[in-house]
Amino acid sequence: MTPVELSRTVLHAVRRAVDDGELSVTVPERTVITPPGPGGCGDYASSIALQLAGAAGQPPLRVAEILRARLAGEAFIDDVVVTGPGFLNFSLERDASALLVEEILRRGQRYGHAEGAGGTVVRLRCPAEVRAVVVADALARVLRSQGDVVRVTCDGRLAPEWETVLGVGGGHSGSNPGGRPGSLSAGPAPHSLPDVDITIHPAPADPLPLGRDAARWALLYPAAHDRPRIPGDHLVQREANPLFRVRYAHARTRALLRNAADLGFHPEPGPVSDAEALLAALGDHPRILAVTATHRGPDRLARHLVTVADAALPLLPAVLPLGDEKPSAAHRARLALAEAAGTVLAGGLSLLGIDAPDHL
């Protein structure tokens, strides 16, 4: 069960509580499922009870108990615990992790993408400044992954080397007398989202000497209000470099698949112990893509990829059998989980316009 599926299950429980007269609220269109916070437990958590308590005229703990009773017996949910002021904490059945890995491997790098067009037309408008142009390019990729139709307009002429080195360009030029350097706007279009202005710090120095991948990461990884570090340590191949950790984790998963094939076994989704952080990060990927699109913040996706990589790296040494050990179901399950992590890393990097090499 993925966070998206769990969200639907939670909203269905709210709807049944309303139909039964236990809650008098408008059923929300969506609810956010997150990893448990401090004091929480299990695989995922929801603050839906706190969200509904005011409208329901009941304490959050009472709302949580009403929903807990309806959720405890749902398929793939092993247990539901109420913690703190009314957080619902979910422990999934062990088969749920296998289903998540199966879904990722089935959808490949399109895991987390919307199925079908959403019908929203978005026009991204940016000044001819290198960071704004790269951010617009990455946002266009993420928005399209969520089913939106995107048109990028740049106010001014792009430097030819930006297209050659950074892979940006081809947008439509236009005039924007009121535009200001370092701003990115999603302007009105038929059936478009509301107007959004994102102010970003322009690049403090020329990022082109870093090359395409490191330059794009240097411009996309910082939040909009942060100043990019150029040159920084984006080309250094060590753990202190987040881009290196992400690409290294991906390359390691590919190497494990090659080595496993040489040993005569292949990935097979199944339960994996001590991988809760990685499973939670992989399950959260669709939500991160949606939030990145909604808030126009590619830095959210970049930081999420670091989270996935950091959760995957401790698992990887235990994927292959050691010495004379024979490959077991546990090895095949860990290999499938590693492949799923590599798939999410490659797909996320692709949306940022960054390559995910199989060898580093």
Foldseek 3Di string as FASTA:
>chain_A
DFQVVVFVVLLVLVVVCVVVVNFDDDRDPTFGWAQDDVFADAQIKTQVLVVRCVVRVHFSQVSLVSSQVVPCPDAQWPHWDADDRHMIHTHGDLCVLLVLLVQLVVCFLLVLFADEAPPAEWEKEAEQFLLLQLLLQLLCLLVVSNRYHYAYEYADDHDPVCCVFAVTDPGHYDHDVPDDHQKMWTDDDVNHDPIDIQGADGAPDDLRVVTHFLSLCQSQQDWRDDHGDPPPCSPPQDPVHLVNLLLVLLLLLLVVQVVVVVVPDAARAGGEPPLSQLSSLSSCLSVQSVVCNVVSHLSSLSVSSSSNSVSLVVLRVVLDDPDPDDDDNNNNNSSSSSNSSSSNSQSSSVSSVHHRDNHD
